[in-house]
């Protein structure tokens, strides 16, 4: 698990987004962090009818309550608390305005993906605090949440499989059979594989093929793929 702080300026995100992949591609979530994000989006979407003003505390945070066991797979709840700690190190930069000596000026607020998490020592609940302005953006992003996202996120143990699924949802259009051609560099970047494997063949056999098998089994979207040789003398991946 990485210790360095990751930071995203929301200026660089689209004004209106509808797919969780836009979060995934900006933050290098591990599978435990991803499951927490999924539950946050799920709860937001299920309770959008609640007025935001009734949820904001005096510190401009929205408080969301969860059962720790609902944020993970299995019985090791320490994985949840470690993931909450690491998510807190991921920062968001928010735009705003403030008044200084009667003049309105632009501001930038640095906040955590979550600001604070409080859990009961008997593991009965965990309260997650999220900056209200950031929460407003998550409301828009939660439009991309579907029950299938939970299915994939909580049935796969591989974060790359979840990333690939979110990537497919990001560009897929209903009724379209159009494919997409990706270079090895794009595969590494878009699926957040980076330098994990030094050979494309390993990426295919250890990530892409197992991912397709899983998505064929329990998701609403899957994929087919073929490998193309760049040059006649190239080694097939």
Protein backbone atom coordinates (compact mmCIF):
# COMPACT_ATOMS: atom_id res chain seq x y z
CA UNK A 1 0.00 0.00 0.00
CA UNK A 2 1.39 3.39 -0.99
CA UNK A 3 2.02 6.00 1.68
CA UNK A 4 2.43 9.10 -0.47
CA UNK A 5 -0.40 11.57 -0.81
CA UNK A 6 -2.25 11.57 -4.11
CA UNK A 7 -3.93 14.83 -5.06
CA UNK A 8 -6.51 15.71 -7.70
CA UNK A 9 -7.52 19.23 -8.73
CA UNK A 10 -11.23 19.06 -9.52
CA UNK A 11 -10.66 21.77 -12.15
CA UNK A 12 -9.30 18.96 -14.30
CA UNK A 13 -12.39 16.78 -13.92
CA UNK A 14 -15.37 17.20 -16.25
CA UNK A 15 -18.12 19.50 -14.95
CA UNK A 16 -20.63 16.68 -15.20
CA UNK A 17 -19.54 13.08 -14.84
CA UNK A 18 -21.50 9.86 -14.70
CA UNK A 19 -19.03 7.03 -14.30
CA UNK A 20 -16.95 5.98 -11.28
CA UNK A 21 -14.03 5.28 -13.66
CA UNK A 22 -13.26 9.01 -13.59
CA UNK A 23 -12.37 8.56 -9.93
CA UNK A 24 -10.55 5.30 -10.51
CA UNK A 25 -8.26 6.70 -13.19
CA UNK A 26 -7.21 9.62 -10.97
CA UNK A 27 -6.63 7.63 -7.79
CA UNK A 28 -4.71 4.39 -7.55
CA UNK A 29 -7.30 2.60 -5.39
CA UNK A 30 -6.56 -0.85 -4.05
CA UNK A 31 -9.49 -3.29 -3.93
CA UNK A 32 -10.32 -2.49 -0.29
CA UNK A 33 -10.40 1.26 -0.95
CA UNK A 34 -12.50 0.67 -4.07
CA UNK A 35 -15.11 -1.23 -2.09
CA UNK A 36 -15.49 1.67 0.32
CA UNK A 37 -15.87 4.10 -2.58
CA UNK A 38 -18.51 1.83 -4.12
CA UNK A 39 -20.53 1.79 -0.88
CA UNK A 40 -20.28 5.58 -0.60
CA UNK A 41 -21.61 6.00 -4.14
CA UNK A 42 -24.29 3.40 -3.48
CA UNK A 43 -25.55 5.14 -0.34
CA UNK A 44 -25.51 8.54 -2.05
CA UNK A 45 -27.55 7.26 -4.96
CA UNK A 46 -30.04 5.50 -2.70
CA UNK A 47 -30.59 8.58 -0.54
CA UNK A 48 -30.44 11.47 -2.99
CA UNK A 49 -33.97 12.44 -2.00
CA UNK A 50 -32.62 13.65 1.37
CA UNK A 51 -31.89 17.37 1.48
CA UNK A 52 -28.15 17.94 1.76
CA UNK A 53 -28.61 20.73 4.31
CA UNK A 54 -30.01 18.31 6.86
CA UNK A 55 -26.84 16.19 6.73
CA UNK A 56 -24.12 18.87 7.00
CA UNK A 57 -22.46 19.33 10.39
CA UNK A 58 -20.91 22.51 11.81
CA UNK A 59 -17.58 21.73 10.12
CA UNK A 60 -19.20 21.56 6.65
CA UNK A 61 -19.01 17.77 6.53
CA UNK A 62 -21.61 15.23 5.48
CA UNK A 63 -21.64 12.23 7.83
CA UNK A 64 -22.37 8.80 6.38
CA UNK A 65 -22.81 5.70 8.57
CA UNK A 66 -21.95 2.17 7.49
CA UNK A 67 -21.59 -1.28 8.97
CA UNK A 68 -17.91 -2.23 8.66
CA UNK A 69 -18.83 -5.73 7.48
CA UNK A 70 -20.64 -4.14 4.51
CA UNK A 71 -17.43 -2.46 3.36
CA UNK A 72 -15.40 -5.60 2.80
CA UNK A 73 -15.45 -9.29 1.94
CA UNK A 74 -14.68 -11.75 4.72
CA UNK A 75 -14.23 -11.14 8.42
CA UNK A 76 -10.97 -9.16 8.58
CA UNK A 77 -12.33 -5.71 9.45
CA UNK A 78 -8.80 -4.37 9.93
CA UNK A 79 -8.67 -4.24 6.13
CA UNK A 80 -11.52 -1.72 6.26
CA UNK A 81 -9.83 0.51 8.82
CA UNK A 82 -6.51 0.42 6.97
CA UNK A 83 -8.29 1.32 3.74
CA UNK A 84 -10.08 4.24 5.41
CA UNK A 85 -6.73 5.51 6.63
CA UNK A 86 -5.15 5.32 3.18
CA UNK A 87 -8.18 6.92 1.47
CA UNK A 88 -7.85 9.83 3.88
CA UNK A 89 -4.40 10.49 2.39
CA UNK A 90 -5.91 11.03 -1.04
CA UNK A 91 -6.58 14.73 -1.46
CA UNK A 92 -9.10 16.76 -3.43
CA UNK A 93 -8.64 20.43 -4.37
CA UNK A 94 -11.95 22.30 -4.44
CA UNK A 95 -12.71 25.68 -5.99
CA UNK A 96 -14.52 28.34 -4.00
CA UNK A 97 -14.74 31.99 -3.09
CA UNK A 98 -14.19 34.00 0.08
CA UNK A 99 -14.54 37.63 1.10
CA UNK A 100 -11.41 39.48 2.17
CA UNK A 101 -11.86 43.11 3.28
CA UNK A 102 -15.06 43.35 1.28
CA UNK A 103 -13.57 41.85 -1.87
CA UNK A 104 -14.62 38.45 -3.22
CA UNK A 105 -11.63 36.33 -4.20
CA UNK A 106 -11.17 32.84 -5.57
CA UNK A 107 -10.02 30.14 -3.19
CA UNK A 108 -8.72 26.58 -3.33
CA UNK A 109 -9.57 24.17 -0.52
CA UNK A 110 -7.46 21.07 0.03
CA UNK A 111 -9.57 18.33 1.58
CA UNK A 112 -9.26 14.59 1.94
CA UNK A 113 -11.27 12.16 -0.13
CA UNK A 114 -12.75 11.58 3.29
CA UNK A 115 -12.06 13.97 6.15
CA UNK A 116 -12.50 11.63 9.07
CA UNK A 117 -13.65 8.14 9.99
CA UNK A 118 -14.85 7.08 13.43
CA UNK A 119 -15.52 3.42 14.16
CA UNK A 120 -16.98 1.61 17.16
CA UNK A 121 -14.56 -0.62 19.01
CA UNK A 122 -17.15 -3.40 18.86
CA UNK A 123 -17.20 -3.01 15.05
CA UNK A 124 -20.92 -2.15 14.99
CA UNK A 125 -20.59 0.99 12.86
CA UNK A 126 -18.22 3.40 11.15
CA UNK A 127 -19.04 7.06 10.49
CA UNK A 128 -17.35 8.64 7.49
CA UNK A 129 -17.16 12.42 7.17
CA UNK A 130 -16.90 13.94 3.70
CA UNK A 131 -16.48 17.64 2.86
CA UNK A 132 -19.93 18.91 1.80
CA UNK A 133 -18.67 20.54 -1.40
CA UNK A 134 -16.87 17.36 -2.42
CA UNK A 135 -19.97 15.37 -1.46
CA UNK A 136 -21.96 17.48 -3.95
CA UNK A 137 -19.61 16.35 -6.70
CA UNK A 138 -19.94 12.74 -5.59
CA UNK A 139 -23.71 13.07 -5.94
CA UNK A 140 -23.19 13.77 -9.64
CA UNK A 141 -20.67 10.97 -9.98
CA UNK A 142 -22.98 8.49 -8.25
CA UNK A 143 -25.21 8.56 -11.35
CA UNK A 144 -22.83 5.96 -12.72
CA UNK A 145 -23.41 3.58 -9.82
CA UNK A 146 -25.26 0.36 -10.64
CA UNK A 147 -25.82 -2.84 -8.63
CA UNK A 148 -23.45 -4.54 -11.07
CA UNK A 149 -20.66 -2.28 -9.86
CA UNK A 150 -21.15 -3.76 -6.40
CA UNK A 151 -21.30 -7.27 -7.85
CA UNK A 152 -17.95 -6.85 -9.56
CA UNK A 153 -16.30 -4.90 -6.75
CA UNK A 154 -17.26 -7.39 -4.06
CA UNK A 155 -16.88 -10.62 -6.02
CA UNK A 156 -13.53 -9.98 -7.64
CA UNK A 157 -10.41 -9.89 -5.53
CA UNK A 158 -8.41 -8.14 -8.24
CA UNK A 159 -8.48 -4.36 -8.47
CA UNK A 160 -7.42 -4.48 -12.13
CA UNK A 161 -10.55 -6.47 -12.98
CA UNK A 162 -12.68 -3.81 -11.32
CA UNK A 163 -10.80 -1.07 -13.17
CA UNK A 164 -11.31 -2.83 -16.51
CA UNK A 165 -15.03 -3.17 -15.79
CA UNK A 166 -15.31 0.52 -14.93
CA UNK A 167 -13.34 1.40 -18.06
CA UNK A 168 -15.78 -0.59 -20.20
CA UNK A 169 -18.75 1.15 -18.57
CA UNK A 170 -17.08 4.51 -19.18
CA UNK A 171 -17.05 4.27 -22.98
CA UNK A 172 -19.74 1.66 -23.64
CA UNK A 173 -22.92 2.88 -25.32
CA UNK A 174 -26.09 0.81 -25.13
CA UNK A 175 -26.74 -1.08 -28.35
CA UNK A 176 -23.24 -0.39 -29.67
CA UNK A 177 -20.90 -3.15 -30.80
CA UNK A 178 -18.08 -0.79 -31.63
CA UNK A 179 -14.70 -1.90 -30.36
CA UNK A 180 -11.71 0.03 -29.15
CA UNK A 181 -8.07 -0.49 -30.05
CA UNK A 182 -5.56 -0.03 -27.25
CA UNK A 183 -1.79 0.02 -27.38
CA UNK A 184 0.24 -1.72 -24.70
CA UNK A 185 0.97 1.69 -23.18
CA UNK A 186 -2.75 2.50 -23.03
CA UNK A 187 -3.52 -0.88 -21.48
CA UNK A 188 -0.96 -0.27 -18.74
CA UNK A 189 -2.23 3.26 -18.07
CA UNK A 190 -5.99 2.79 -18.44
CA UNK A 191 -6.10 -0.44 -16.43
CA UNK A 192 -3.57 0.89 -13.88
CA UNK A 193 -1.16 -1.98 -14.48
CA UNK A 194 1.80 0.32 -15.10
CA UNK A 195 5.09 -1.60 -14.67
CA UNK A 196 3.65 -4.53 -12.74
CA UNK A 197 4.52 -7.00 -15.53
CA UNK A 198 7.35 -6.57 -18.00
CA UNK A 199 5.68 -8.54 -20.79
CA UNK A 200 2.31 -8.01 -22.48
CA UNK A 201 1.79 -11.78 -22.56
CA UNK A 202 1.84 -11.85 -18.76
CA UNK A 203 -0.72 -9.04 -18.63
CA UNK A 204 -2.99 -11.03 -20.94
CA UNK A 205 -2.69 -14.35 -19.10
CA UNK A 206 -2.68 -12.98 -15.54
CA UNK A 207 -5.11 -10.06 -15.80
CA UNK A 208 -7.08 -9.73 -19.04
CA UNK A 209 -8.10 -13.37 -19.58
CA UNK A 210 -9.08 -13.97 -15.90
CA UNK A 211 -10.94 -10.66 -15.93
CA UNK A 212 -12.98 -11.65 -18.97
CA UNK A 213 -13.85 -14.96 -17.33
CA UNK A 214 -15.09 -13.18 -14.20
CA UNK A 215 -17.07 -10.53 -16.05
CA UNK A 216 -18.68 -13.19 -18.24
CA UNK A 217 -19.87 -14.83 -15.02
CA UNK A 218 -21.30 -12.06 -12.86
CA UNK A 219 -21.38 -8.67 -14.59
CA UNK A 220 -23.70 -6.94 -17.03
CA UNK A 221 -20.85 -6.04 -19.38
CA UNK A 222 -17.88 -8.05 -20.59
CA UNK A 223 -15.60 -7.96 -23.61
CA UNK A 224 -13.85 -9.92 -26.31
CA UNK A 225 -10.35 -9.15 -27.46
CA UNK A 226 -7.76 -9.99 -30.08
CA UNK A 227 -4.05 -9.28 -30.09
CA UNK A 228 -2.60 -7.54 -33.12
CA UNK A 229 1.03 -7.68 -34.15
CA UNK A 230 2.59 -4.28 -34.61
CA UNK A 231 5.22 -5.59 -37.02
CA UNK A 232 5.55 -8.92 -38.86
CA UNK A 233 8.53 -9.83 -36.71
CA UNK A 234 6.98 -8.91 -33.40
CA UNK A 235 6.43 -11.52 -30.73
CA UNK A 236 2.77 -12.14 -30.12
CA UNK A 237 1.63 -10.95 -26.67
